[in-house]
């Protein structure tokens, strides 16, 4: 495996301008025409409608000053730059539940005042980070997928500032944002590329540049982060060729403005200096920011200062091009629990022919299928409509299934027993059901994802050294479960087909899910290369913030 490339911005400057002109798609009129033709969405959840009403009342109470101020800040890109050959929109179910996919792009544009923060004077813009955020239809779960910027992907035909379209071709992922060479970047081209790579319809795109990011961190009075090593000026700018002064100390700290930007852009002096490690810190930062906002409350009062700071350096798709749309969307996310906000990196590997990255297949496609099915990475159904608990008659066992006892009240000592729960079957949501059972008995249980095998007939409880007594307490909730010692620390529960049968779920939920209006067939179980690396927003901020050794 070759060593990761030392990096630098030069790697993404190969985006072509006008490599032959493809015919335009026939759309015209730009943003104004798109607005005139826009139709109001139906089946909007009541919670969103009330949130929007609250925003409008607040705006009216200030004489419209806030509304006009925020509206003046917001920039949007033209709708006619979005490809016409796109994945289909997700269909709402009978209750109006519908997933939303949001593309979050951090731009390293040096335009305007950004060069002062970015430490460079280069023109153009590149996507410093890109996260595809999938908000599930139940609006209680979400997952952010980081896409490595130097992944080789097929970039489709994209519109240039002069109105012509490129031919497209394989290139670095972040080259898509550079198409056209403008300081504002090309978010529509990145959106088109993500849709082509994933087969997922992107509903909204949000671009934040250096100024906007720094201002947002100040608006929330800083974000808590953690570093395993102290960081010096020479790590931030390797061209100094010296250690320099201390920039970020080791351990926990609160950062804002330039320091926050240094944290999320840091590559060198920690781990192996790769973009993979940087993405882990970005995921930790996003988790910490979301946790802080959730704790302080997702109200218009709290969101408005953040929106004012962000919108000054924000570029969005035409669907979010006004203050009320943007704030209403933000408020629609307020019911997501931080444990159910996950971050993962698209399955990747270093290429043998160069130091760039390829997506690992079929793992990456399984991840995209999981999102399209509105299934969480730990196998739960988050479509907003749950399958019939009775399952299909054909899936019922021929013999009486072992009954699952109601969770006992549990004693106080159970709270100190940590249990990781894995799904050892293809039954959708089984690990989550077992986790709820354990939590009801006061155990510190968490859903860990899909087991390496989906063929467990009997629930298995694995326990580490000195954990046998605790494992036996856990086993009392799973009649017939087998106890097995393990070299790993702690206790793991791998639920099997016996637990699925006891809960009326058979060994698969494909039949029941496919008959649910608006639901999609569950995807195949995700490989552990994806699930084992997942980060929850409520994880320890000091954990999983680097990659590789060295530095």
Protein backbone atom coordinates (compact mmCIF):
# COMPACT_ATOMS: atom_id res chain seq x y z
CA UNK A 1 0.00 0.00 0.00
CA UNK A 2 1.60 3.33 -1.00
CA UNK A 3 1.99 6.04 1.59
CA UNK A 4 -0.63 8.81 1.53
CA UNK A 5 0.29 11.78 -0.53
CA UNK A 6 1.59 14.76 1.42
CA UNK A 7 -1.14 16.77 -0.20
CA UNK A 8 -1.54 20.41 -0.98
CA UNK A 9 -4.12 22.19 -3.00
CA UNK A 10 -2.42 21.55 -6.34
CA UNK A 11 -3.94 18.08 -6.49
CA UNK A 12 -7.36 19.45 -7.39
CA UNK A 13 -6.51 22.04 -10.03
CA UNK A 14 -7.00 19.81 -13.03
CA UNK A 15 -10.68 20.56 -13.54
CA UNK A 16 -11.12 21.27 -17.23
CA UNK A 17 -12.79 24.34 -18.62
CA UNK A 18 -14.71 23.74 -21.81
CA UNK A 19 -13.30 20.39 -22.92
CA UNK A 20 -15.64 20.45 -25.83
CA UNK A 21 -19.12 21.85 -25.53
CA UNK A 22 -21.99 19.49 -24.98
CA UNK A 23 -25.42 20.63 -25.89
CA UNK A 24 -27.28 22.37 -23.10
CA UNK A 25 -30.22 20.48 -21.68
CA UNK A 26 -32.78 22.91 -22.97
CA UNK A 27 -33.50 24.59 -19.67
CA UNK A 28 -33.38 28.35 -19.50
CA UNK A 29 -34.27 31.27 -17.35
CA UNK A 30 -32.01 30.59 -14.38
CA UNK A 31 -33.14 31.14 -10.82
CA UNK A 32 -36.00 33.52 -11.54
CA UNK A 33 -37.67 31.07 -13.89
CA UNK A 34 -37.18 28.27 -11.39
CA UNK A 35 -38.93 30.28 -8.70
CA UNK A 36 -41.86 31.16 -10.96
CA UNK A 37 -42.36 27.52 -11.84
CA UNK A 38 -41.92 26.18 -8.32
CA UNK A 39 -44.92 24.39 -6.85
CA UNK A 40 -45.61 24.27 -3.13
CA UNK A 41 -44.74 20.94 -1.55
CA UNK A 42 -47.55 18.75 -0.29
CA UNK A 43 -47.59 16.40 2.65
CA UNK A 44 -45.39 18.67 4.73
CA UNK A 45 -45.15 17.49 8.33
CA UNK A 46 -47.09 19.52 10.86
CA UNK A 47 -43.98 20.07 12.93
CA UNK A 48 -42.27 21.76 10.00
CA UNK A 49 -45.32 23.87 9.27
CA UNK A 50 -45.46 25.09 12.87
CA UNK A 51 -41.73 25.76 12.83
CA UNK A 52 -42.11 27.86 9.70
CA UNK A 53 -45.01 29.72 11.28
CA UNK A 54 -42.86 30.46 14.33
CA UNK A 55 -40.13 31.87 12.16
CA UNK A 56 -42.56 34.08 10.25
CA UNK A 57 -44.08 35.39 13.50
CA UNK A 58 -40.63 36.28 14.77
CA UNK A 59 -39.79 37.97 11.49
CA UNK A 60 -43.06 39.95 11.54
CA UNK A 61 -42.35 41.05 15.11
CA UNK A 62 -39.11 42.69 14.07
CA UNK A 63 -40.72 44.62 11.25
CA UNK A 64 -39.18 42.34 8.64
CA UNK A 65 -35.66 43.62 9.32
CA UNK A 66 -34.26 40.18 10.07
CA UNK A 67 -35.97 38.66 7.05
CA UNK A 68 -34.50 41.18 4.63
CA UNK A 69 -31.10 41.03 6.28
CA UNK A 70 -30.85 37.26 5.99
CA UNK A 71 -32.35 37.19 2.51
CA UNK A 72 -29.78 39.71 1.34
CA UNK A 73 -27.01 37.46 2.66
CA UNK A 74 -28.06 34.30 0.84
CA UNK A 75 -26.64 33.38 -2.56
CA UNK A 76 -27.93 30.49 -4.64
CA UNK A 77 -26.70 28.78 -7.78
CA UNK A 78 -28.78 28.44 -10.94
CA UNK A 79 -31.18 25.54 -11.19
CA UNK A 80 -30.33 25.06 -14.86
CA UNK A 81 -26.80 23.93 -13.87
CA UNK A 82 -28.29 20.84 -12.19
CA UNK A 83 -28.31 17.78 -14.45
CA UNK A 84 -31.64 16.70 -15.91
CA UNK A 85 -30.71 13.01 -15.87
CA UNK A 86 -31.07 12.48 -12.12
CA UNK A 87 -32.01 9.72 -9.67
CA UNK A 88 -35.74 9.71 -8.88
CA UNK A 89 -37.11 11.67 -5.94
CA UNK A 90 -37.95 9.69 -2.83
CA UNK A 91 -41.72 9.16 -2.57
CA UNK A 92 -43.58 10.20 0.58
CA UNK A 93 -45.64 7.53 2.29
CA UNK A 94 -49.30 7.88 3.29
CA UNK A 95 -48.32 9.92 6.36
CA UNK A 96 -46.14 12.33 4.39
CA UNK A 97 -42.86 10.83 5.66
CA UNK A 98 -40.03 11.49 3.25
CA UNK A 99 -36.23 11.37 3.57
CA UNK A 100 -34.11 14.41 2.73
CA UNK A 101 -30.56 14.30 1.32
CA UNK A 102 -28.40 17.37 1.91
CA UNK A 103 -24.97 17.89 0.37
CA UNK A 104 -22.70 19.88 2.72
CA UNK A 105 -19.62 21.40 1.06
CA UNK A 106 -16.81 23.24 2.82
CA UNK A 107 -15.16 25.49 0.24
CA UNK A 108 -11.53 26.58 0.45
CA UNK A 109 -12.13 29.55 -1.85
CA UNK A 110 -9.55 32.31 -1.47
CA UNK A 111 -11.95 34.88 -2.89
CA UNK A 112 -13.03 37.89 -0.80
CA UNK A 113 -11.50 37.82 2.69
CA UNK A 114 -11.05 34.05 2.68
CA UNK A 115 -7.34 34.23 1.83
CA UNK A 116 -6.68 35.86 5.20
CA UNK A 117 -8.14 32.82 6.97
CA UNK A 118 -6.92 30.18 4.56
CA UNK A 119 -3.31 31.23 4.51
CA UNK A 120 -3.01 31.37 0.74
CA UNK A 121 -3.59 33.57 -2.28
CA UNK A 122 -4.53 31.00 -4.91
CA UNK A 123 -7.55 31.74 -7.05
CA UNK A 124 -10.46 29.41 -7.69
CA UNK A 125 -12.15 27.16 -5.17
CA UNK A 126 -11.94 23.53 -4.12
CA UNK A 127 -14.16 21.42 -1.89
CA UNK A 128 -12.14 21.10 1.30
CA UNK A 129 -14.71 18.67 2.70
CA UNK A 130 -17.92 17.11 1.42
CA UNK A 131 -20.54 15.29 3.49
CA UNK A 132 -23.75 13.77 2.15
CA UNK A 133 -26.25 14.07 5.01
CA UNK A 134 -29.17 11.64 4.79
CA UNK A 135 -32.06 12.67 7.05
CA UNK A 136 -34.33 9.66 7.37
CA UNK A 137 -38.07 9.92 6.75
CA UNK A 138 -38.86 9.66 10.46
CA UNK A 139 -36.72 12.82 11.02
CA UNK A 140 -35.35 11.13 14.14
CA UNK A 141 -32.27 9.59 12.51
CA UNK A 142 -29.58 10.98 10.21
CA UNK A 143 -26.21 9.88 8.86
CA UNK A 144 -23.44 11.94 7.29
CA UNK A 145 -21.22 10.23 4.70
CA UNK A 146 -17.78 11.78 4.18
CA UNK A 147 -16.41 11.37 0.65
CA UNK A 148 -12.58 11.59 0.43
CA UNK A 149 -11.67 14.53 -1.76
CA UNK A 150 -8.98 12.68 -3.75
CA UNK A 151 -11.23 9.76 -4.69
CA UNK A 152 -11.19 9.00 -8.41
CA UNK A 153 -14.80 9.18 -9.60
CA UNK A 154 -16.72 9.72 -12.86
CA UNK A 155 -17.52 13.43 -13.14
CA UNK A 156 -20.48 14.03 -15.47
CA UNK A 157 -20.96 16.87 -17.93
CA UNK A 158 -21.14 20.15 -15.97
CA UNK A 159 -22.11 23.69 -16.86
CA UNK A 160 -19.37 26.31 -17.12
CA UNK A 161 -19.76 30.02 -16.29
CA UNK A 162 -19.88 30.76 -20.04
CA UNK A 163 -22.96 28.53 -20.42
CA UNK A 164 -21.21 25.65 -22.16
CA UNK A 165 -21.06 22.12 -20.78
CA UNK A 166 -17.95 20.00 -20.24
CA UNK A 167 -17.51 16.50 -21.64
CA UNK A 168 -16.90 14.99 -18.22
CA UNK A 169 -14.62 12.07 -17.38
CA UNK A 170 -12.81 10.44 -14.47
CA UNK A 171 -11.02 12.79 -12.08
CA UNK A 172 -10.49 13.60 -8.41
CA UNK A 173 -13.79 14.07 -6.60
CA UNK A 174 -12.99 17.61 -5.47
CA UNK A 175 -12.13 18.59 -9.05
CA UNK A 176 -15.89 18.78 -9.69
CA UNK A 177 -16.17 21.85 -7.47
CA UNK A 178 -13.33 23.50 -9.41
CA UNK A 179 -14.96 23.17 -12.83
CA UNK A 180 -15.08 26.65 -14.34
CA UNK A 181 -12.31 28.08 -12.14
CA UNK A 182 -14.48 30.65 -10.36
CA UNK A 183 -13.88 31.86 -6.79
CA UNK A 184 -17.37 30.68 -5.84
CA UNK A 185 -16.77 27.14 -7.06
CA UNK A 186 -19.26 24.95 -8.90
CA UNK A 187 -21.62 23.37 -6.33
CA UNK A 188 -24.01 22.18 -9.04
CA UNK A 189 -21.22 20.11 -10.61
CA UNK A 190 -20.40 18.54 -7.22
CA UNK A 191 -24.10 17.79 -6.72
CA UNK A 192 -24.30 16.20 -10.19
CA UNK A 193 -21.21 14.12 -9.39
CA UNK A 194 -22.58 12.87 -6.05
CA UNK A 195 -25.84 11.86 -7.71
CA UNK A 196 -23.96 9.99 -10.44
CA UNK A 197 -21.68 8.17 -7.96
CA UNK A 198 -24.34 7.26 -5.38
CA UNK A 199 -27.59 7.01 -7.35
CA UNK A 200 -29.14 9.15 -4.58
CA UNK A 201 -31.20 12.26 -5.32
CA UNK A 202 -29.70 15.33 -3.62
CA UNK A 203 -32.54 17.51 -2.37
CA UNK A 204 -30.45 20.42 -1.11
CA UNK A 205 -26.86 21.66 -1.38
CA UNK A 206 -25.21 24.03 1.09
CA UNK A 207 -21.74 25.55 0.61
CA UNK A 208 -19.92 27.33 3.44
CA UNK A 209 -16.59 29.07 2.87
CA UNK A 210 -13.84 29.98 5.37
CA UNK A 211 -15.47 33.24 6.46
CA UNK A 212 -18.83 31.62 7.01
CA UNK A 213 -17.37 28.73 8.96
CA UNK A 214 -15.35 31.00 11.25
CA UNK A 215 -18.35 33.27 11.85
CA UNK A 216 -20.62 30.31 12.65
CA UNK A 217 -18.27 29.03 15.34
CA UNK A 218 -18.19 32.47 16.95
CA UNK A 219 -22.00 32.72 16.81
CA UNK A 220 -22.33 29.61 18.97
CA UNK A 221 -19.56 30.80 21.35
CA UNK A 222 -17.13 28.10 20.31
CA UNK A 223 -17.18 24.34 19.81
CA UNK A 224 -15.59 21.72 22.09
CA UNK A 225 -12.88 19.61 20.41
CA UNK A 226 -10.03 17.35 21.47
CA UNK A 227 -6.57 16.60 20.08
CA UNK A 228 -4.25 13.68 20.91
CA UNK A 229 -1.16 15.84 20.29
CA UNK A 230 -0.28 19.55 20.44
CA UNK A 231 -0.28 21.33 17.07
CA UNK A 232 2.25 23.97 16.02
CA UNK A 233 2.49 26.57 13.26
CA UNK A 234 4.67 24.24 11.19
CA UNK A 235 1.89 21.62 11.23
CA UNK A 236 -0.66 24.13 9.95
CA UNK A 237 1.72 25.41 7.27
CA UNK A 238 4.45 22.85 6.39
CA UNK A 239 6.05 25.45 4.10
CA UNK A 240 7.42 27.18 7.22
CA UNK A 241 9.95 24.34 7.56
CA UNK A 242 10.09 24.88 11.30
CA UNK A 243 8.05 23.96 14.36
CA UNK A 244 6.88 27.48 15.17
CA UNK A 245 4.59 28.52 18.00
CA UNK A 246 1.89 26.41 19.63
CA UNK A 247 -1.47 26.79 17.85
CA UNK A 248 -3.68 24.13 19.46
CA UNK A 249 -2.77 22.40 22.74
CA UNK A 250 -3.21 18.70 23.39
CA UNK A 251 -6.51 17.54 24.93
CA UNK A 252 -9.96 19.08 25.27
CA UNK A 253 -10.51 22.73 24.40
CA UNK A 254 -13.09 25.13 22.98
CA UNK A 255 -12.26 26.69 19.61
CA UNK A 256 -13.83 29.37 17.45
CA UNK A 257 -12.90 31.48 14.46
CA UNK A 258 -9.39 30.86 13.13
CA UNK A 259 -8.63 28.16 15.70
CA UNK A 260 -11.76 26.22 14.71
CA UNK A 261 -10.75 26.48 11.07
CA UNK A 262 -7.23 25.27 11.91
CA UNK A 263 -8.72 22.26 13.68
CA UNK A 264 -10.96 21.08 10.84
CA UNK A 265 -8.34 21.76 8.13
CA UNK A 266 -5.42 20.21 10.01
CA UNK A 267 -3.61 17.36 8.25
CA UNK A 268 0.03 17.33 9.30
CA UNK A 269 1.63 16.68 12.67
CA UNK A 270 -0.98 14.09 13.65
CA UNK A 271 -1.56 10.53 12.47
CA UNK A 272 -0.24 9.81 8.98
CA UNK A 273 -1.03 13.29 7.63
CA UNK A 274 -3.81 12.02 5.38
CA UNK A 275 -7.19 13.42 4.42
CA UNK A 276 -8.75 10.37 6.10
CA UNK A 277 -7.59 11.59 9.51
CA UNK A 278 -8.77 15.10 8.73
CA UNK A 279 -12.25 13.78 7.87
CA UNK A 280 -12.40 12.01 11.24
CA UNK A 281 -11.74 15.33 13.01
CA UNK A 282 -14.32 17.04 10.83
CA UNK A 283 -16.87 14.41 11.82
CA UNK A 284 -15.96 14.90 15.48
CA UNK A 285 -16.36 18.67 15.05
CA UNK A 286 -19.77 18.35 13.36
CA UNK A 287 -20.87 16.01 16.15
CA UNK A 288 -19.79 18.47 18.82
CA UNK A 289 -21.46 21.42 17.07
CA UNK A 290 -24.73 19.49 16.64
CA UNK A 291 -24.66 18.39 20.28
CA UNK A 292 -24.20 21.96 21.46
CA UNK A 293 -27.03 23.27 19.30
CA UNK A 294 -29.31 20.44 20.45
CA UNK A 295 -28.52 21.17 24.12
CA UNK A 296 -29.22 24.88 23.75
CA UNK A 297 -32.42 24.27 21.80
CA UNK A 298 -33.29 24.41 18.09
CA UNK A 299 -35.47 27.49 18.40
CA UNK A 300 -35.68 30.45 16.01
CA UNK A 301 -34.11 32.62 18.74
CA UNK A 302 -31.03 30.39 18.88
CA UNK A 303 -30.89 29.72 15.15
CA UNK A 304 -31.15 33.32 13.97
CA UNK A 305 -27.67 34.47 15.16
CA UNK A 306 -26.19 31.34 13.61
CA UNK A 307 -28.14 31.91 10.39
CA UNK A 308 -26.99 35.53 10.22
CA UNK A 309 -23.37 34.46 10.57
CA UNK A 310 -23.62 31.56 8.14
CA UNK A 311 -25.64 33.19 5.38
CA UNK A 312 -23.07 35.93 4.87
CA UNK A 313 -20.81 33.32 3.29
CA UNK A 314 -23.37 30.74 2.20
CA UNK A 315 -24.30 29.43 -1.24
CA UNK A 316 -27.36 27.17 -1.48
CA UNK A 317 -29.51 25.44 -4.05
CA UNK A 318 -32.65 27.28 -5.28
CA UNK A 319 -34.79 25.27 -2.85
CA UNK A 320 -33.17 26.98 0.16
CA UNK A 321 -32.76 30.46 -1.26
CA UNK A 322 -34.72 32.41 1.37
CA UNK A 323 -34.51 32.97 5.12
CA UNK A 324 -37.77 31.21 5.95
CA UNK A 325 -36.87 28.15 3.84
CA UNK A 326 -33.44 27.86 5.43
CA UNK A 327 -34.62 28.32 9.00
CA UNK A 328 -37.61 26.02 8.54
CA UNK A 329 -35.30 23.32 7.26
CA UNK A 330 -33.00 23.76 10.26
CA UNK A 331 -35.92 23.51 12.68
CA UNK A 332 -37.19 20.34 10.99
CA UNK A 333 -34.08 18.55 12.30
CA UNK A 334 -34.68 19.29 15.96
CA UNK A 335 -36.10 15.84 16.81
CA UNK A 336 -32.93 13.94 15.87
CA UNK A 337 -31.34 12.37 18.94
CA UNK A 338 -27.58 12.80 19.06
CA UNK A 339 -27.01 9.06 19.39
CA UNK A 340 -28.99 8.58 16.17
CA UNK A 341 -26.89 11.13 14.27
CA UNK A 342 -24.07 9.05 12.77
CA UNK A 343 -21.02 9.86 10.68
CA UNK A 344 -19.12 7.40 8.49
CA UNK A 345 -16.61 7.57 5.65
CA UNK A 346 -17.48 6.02 2.31
CA UNK A 347 -15.59 2.68 2.02
CA UNK A 348 -12.19 3.47 0.47
CA UNK A 349 -8.70 2.18 -0.25
CA UNK A 350 -5.47 3.63 -1.59
CA UNK A 351 -4.87 2.93 -5.26
CA UNK A 352 -1.88 0.81 -6.26
CA UNK A 353 -1.02 2.97 -9.29
CA UNK A 354 -0.88 6.30 -7.41
CA UNK A 355 -1.57 7.85 -3.99
CA UNK A 356 -5.19 8.65 -4.74
CA UNK A 357 -8.24 6.73 -3.52
CA UNK A 358 -10.80 4.34 -4.98
CA UNK A 359 -14.17 3.51 -3.44
CA UNK A 360 -14.31 -0.13 -2.33
CA UNK A 361 -16.96 -2.19 -4.11
CA UNK A 362 -19.41 -3.70 -3.49
CA UNK A 363 -19.21 -2.09 -0.02
CA UNK A 364 -19.83 1.47 -1.24
CA UNK A 365 -22.83 0.43 -3.33
CA UNK A 366 -24.29 -1.40 -0.33
CA UNK A 367 -24.02 1.84 1.62
CA UNK A 368 -25.87 3.81 -1.08
CA UNK A 369 -28.53 1.05 -1.22
CA UNK A 370 -28.98 1.28 2.54
CA UNK A 371 -29.64 5.02 2.33
CA UNK A 372 -32.03 4.63 -0.59
CA UNK A 373 -33.97 2.04 1.45
CA UNK A 374 -34.11 4.52 4.37
CA UNK A 375 -32.46 1.91 6.56
CA UNK A 376 -30.01 3.03 9.24
CA UNK A 377 -26.45 1.74 9.20
CA UNK A 378 -27.27 -0.47 12.19
CA UNK A 379 -30.19 -2.08 10.36
CA UNK A 380 -33.18 -0.14 11.71
CA UNK A 381 -36.15 0.85 9.59
CA UNK A 382 -36.40 4.66 9.65
CA UNK A 383 -38.95 5.14 6.88
CA UNK A 384 -41.41 6.65 9.34
CA UNK A 385 -43.82 3.75 8.83
CA UNK A 386 -42.89 0.52 10.58
CA UNK A 387 -43.69 -2.92 9.13
CA UNK A 388 -46.51 -4.97 10.65
CA UNK A 389 -45.10 -6.43 13.87
CA UNK A 390 -46.73 -9.77 13.12
CA UNK A 391 -44.57 -10.38 10.07
CA UNK A 392 -45.65 -12.47 7.10
CA UNK A 393 -47.43 -15.78 7.82
CA UNK A 394 -44.90 -17.69 5.72
CA UNK A 395 -42.11 -16.45 7.93
CA UNK A 396 -43.70 -17.85 11.11
CA UNK A 397 -41.80 -20.78 12.63
CA UNK A 398 -43.38 -24.24 12.56
CA UNK A 399 -42.74 -24.78 16.25
CA UNK A 400 -43.49 -22.55 19.18
CA UNK A 401 -40.90 -19.79 19.41
CA UNK A 402 -39.23 -19.01 22.71
CA UNK A 403 -40.93 -16.15 24.40
CA UNK A 404 -39.07 -12.94 25.14
CA UNK A 405 -39.65 -11.85 28.72
CA UNK A 406 -40.67 -8.36 29.56
CA UNK A 407 -37.62 -6.41 30.67
CA UNK A 408 -37.20 -6.66 34.44
CA UNK A 409 -36.95 -3.48 36.39
CA UNK A 410 -33.20 -4.05 36.73
CA UNK A 411 -31.02 -3.06 39.63
CA UNK A 412 -28.81 -0.02 39.86
CA UNK A 413 -25.66 -2.05 39.23
CA UNK A 414 -26.81 -2.83 35.66
CA UNK A 415 -26.12 0.77 34.68
CA UNK A 416 -22.38 0.09 34.92
CA UNK A 417 -22.58 -2.89 32.54
CA UNK A 418 -21.92 -1.83 28.96
CA UNK A 419 -23.40 -4.03 26.25
CA UNK A 420 -22.87 -3.74 22.48
CA UNK A 421 -25.71 -5.25 20.43
CA UNK A 422 -25.24 -6.71 16.94
CA UNK A 423 -27.80 -8.07 14.49
CA UNK A 424 -26.88 -11.65 13.51
CA UNK A 425 -29.81 -11.97 11.07
CA UNK A 426 -31.31 -10.10 8.12
CA UNK A 427 -34.37 -9.07 10.16
CA UNK A 428 -34.69 -5.30 9.91
CA UNK A 429 -34.38 -3.41 13.22
CA UNK A 430 -33.66 -6.48 15.37
CA UNK A 431 -30.58 -5.06 17.09
CA UNK A 432 -32.51 -1.93 18.01
CA UNK A 433 -35.28 -4.03 19.57
CA UNK A 434 -32.74 -5.96 21.66
CA UNK A 435 -31.09 -2.69 22.68
CA UNK A 436 -34.43 -1.35 23.91
CA UNK A 437 -34.97 -4.56 25.90
CA UNK A 438 -31.58 -4.16 27.60
CA UNK A 439 -32.13 -0.48 28.31
CA UNK A 440 -35.45 -1.36 29.91
CA UNK A 441 -33.48 -3.50 32.36
CA UNK A 442 -31.16 -0.53 33.04
CA UNK A 443 -28.14 -1.90 31.15
CA UNK A 444 -25.89 0.62 29.35
CA UNK A 445 -26.70 -0.85 25.94
CA UNK A 446 -26.00 0.55 22.49
CA UNK A 447 -26.71 -0.73 18.99
CA UNK A 448 -23.37 -1.54 17.36
CA UNK A 449 -24.60 -2.57 13.92
CA UNK A 450 -24.62 -5.66 11.75
CA UNK A 451 -22.66 -8.74 12.84
CA UNK A 452 -20.05 -10.23 10.53
CA UNK A 453 -22.51 -13.07 9.76
CA UNK A 454 -26.29 -12.96 9.31
CA UNK A 455 -26.74 -16.70 9.96
CA UNK A 456 -26.94 -16.79 13.75
CA UNK A 457 -29.71 -19.24 14.65
CA UNK A 458 -29.27 -18.70 18.39
CA UNK A 459 -28.58 -15.46 20.20
CA UNK A 460 -24.97 -15.43 21.36
CA UNK A 461 -23.55 -13.46 24.26
CA UNK A 462 -19.78 -12.96 24.16
CA UNK A 463 -17.95 -11.76 27.24
CA UNK A 464 -14.40 -10.73 28.09
CA UNK A 465 -12.24 -11.44 31.11
CA UNK A 466 -14.03 -11.10 34.47
CA UNK A 467 -17.34 -10.41 32.71
CA UNK A 468 -19.00 -13.84 33.03
CA UNK A 469 -21.26 -12.89 35.95
CA UNK A 470 -22.42 -9.75 34.13
CA UNK A 471 -22.95 -11.75 30.93
CA UNK A 472 -25.19 -14.16 32.81
CA UNK A 473 -27.32 -11.23 33.98
CA UNK A 474 -27.65 -10.12 30.35
CA UNK A 475 -28.46 -13.68 29.24
CA UNK A 476 -31.51 -13.73 31.54
CA UNK A 477 -33.23 -11.47 28.99
CA UNK A 478 -32.57 -13.87 26.09
CA UNK A 479 -33.92 -17.37 26.89
CA UNK A 480 -31.86 -20.08 25.19
CA UNK A 481 -28.95 -17.77 24.41
CA UNK A 482 -25.45 -19.26 24.39
CA UNK A 483 -22.63 -17.78 26.46
CA UNK A 484 -19.15 -17.68 24.92
CA UNK A 485 -15.90 -16.26 26.33
CA UNK A 486 -14.10 -13.80 24.08
CA UNK A 487 -10.70 -12.12 23.87
CA UNK A 488 -12.45 -8.78 23.38
CA UNK A 489 -13.24 -6.61 26.38
CA UNK A 490 -16.79 -6.05 27.57
CA UNK A 491 -19.99 -7.82 26.57
CA UNK A 492 -21.52 -8.22 23.11
CA UNK A 493 -24.98 -9.57 22.29
CA UNK A 494 -25.43 -11.00 18.80
CA UNK A 495 -29.16 -11.53 18.37
CA UNK A 496 -30.14 -14.54 16.31
CA UNK A 497 -33.13 -16.02 14.53
CA UNK A 498 -34.58 -17.24 17.85
CA UNK A 499 -34.93 -13.64 19.06
CA UNK A 500 -36.39 -12.61 15.69
CA UNK A 501 -38.97 -15.39 15.87
CA UNK A 502 -39.85 -14.53 19.47
CA UNK A 503 -40.63 -11.01 18.33
CA UNK A 504 -42.74 -12.09 15.34
CA UNK A 505 -40.12 -10.93 12.86
CA UNK A 506 -39.26 -14.28 11.27
CA UNK A 507 -35.84 -14.24 9.66
CA UNK A 508 -36.45 -11.42 7.21
CA UNK A 509 -38.59 -8.33 6.98
CA UNK A 510 -38.34 -7.92 3.22
CA UNK A 511 -41.90 -9.17 2.68
CA UNK A 512 -43.49 -6.88 5.22
CA UNK A 513 -41.46 -3.82 4.32
CA UNK A 514 -42.24 -4.10 0.64
CA UNK A 515 -45.98 -3.98 1.35
CA UNK A 516 -45.72 -0.79 3.36
CA UNK A 517 -46.74 2.28 1.29
CA UNK A 518 -43.75 4.51 0.67
CA UNK A 519 -41.26 1.98 2.08
CA UNK A 520 -38.48 0.40 0.04
CA UNK A 521 -37.03 -3.09 0.14
CA UNK A 522 -34.37 -3.27 2.88
CA UNK A 523 -30.80 -3.28 1.63
CA UNK A 524 -28.35 -6.10 2.27
CA UNK A 525 -26.52 -5.87 5.62
CA UNK A 526 -23.65 -3.39 5.60
CA UNK A 527 -20.11 -4.74 5.90
CA UNK A 528 -18.25 -4.15 9.15
CA UNK A 529 -15.81 -1.93 7.23
CA UNK A 530 -18.61 0.65 7.34
CA UNK A 531 -20.36 -0.04 10.64
CA UNK A 532 -17.25 -0.47 12.80
CA UNK A 533 -15.99 2.97 11.83
CA UNK A 534 -19.26 4.81 12.50
CA UNK A 535 -19.27 7.75 14.87
CA UNK A 536 -22.32 8.83 16.88
CA UNK A 537 -22.68 12.52 17.66
CA UNK A 538 -22.71 11.71 21.37
CA UNK A 539 -19.40 9.80 21.29
CA UNK A 540 -16.43 11.00 23.35
CA UNK A 541 -14.95 13.99 21.49
CA UNK A 542 -11.45 12.65 22.15
CA UNK A 543 -12.13 9.31 20.45
CA UNK A 544 -11.46 8.45 16.80
CA UNK A 545 -9.96 11.79 15.76
CA UNK A 546 -7.01 10.58 13.71
CA UNK A 547 -5.93 7.90 11.27
CA UNK A 548 -2.72 5.92 10.88
CA UNK A 549 0.52 6.30 12.78
CA UNK A 550 3.30 8.84 12.68
CA UNK A 551 3.35 12.59 13.04
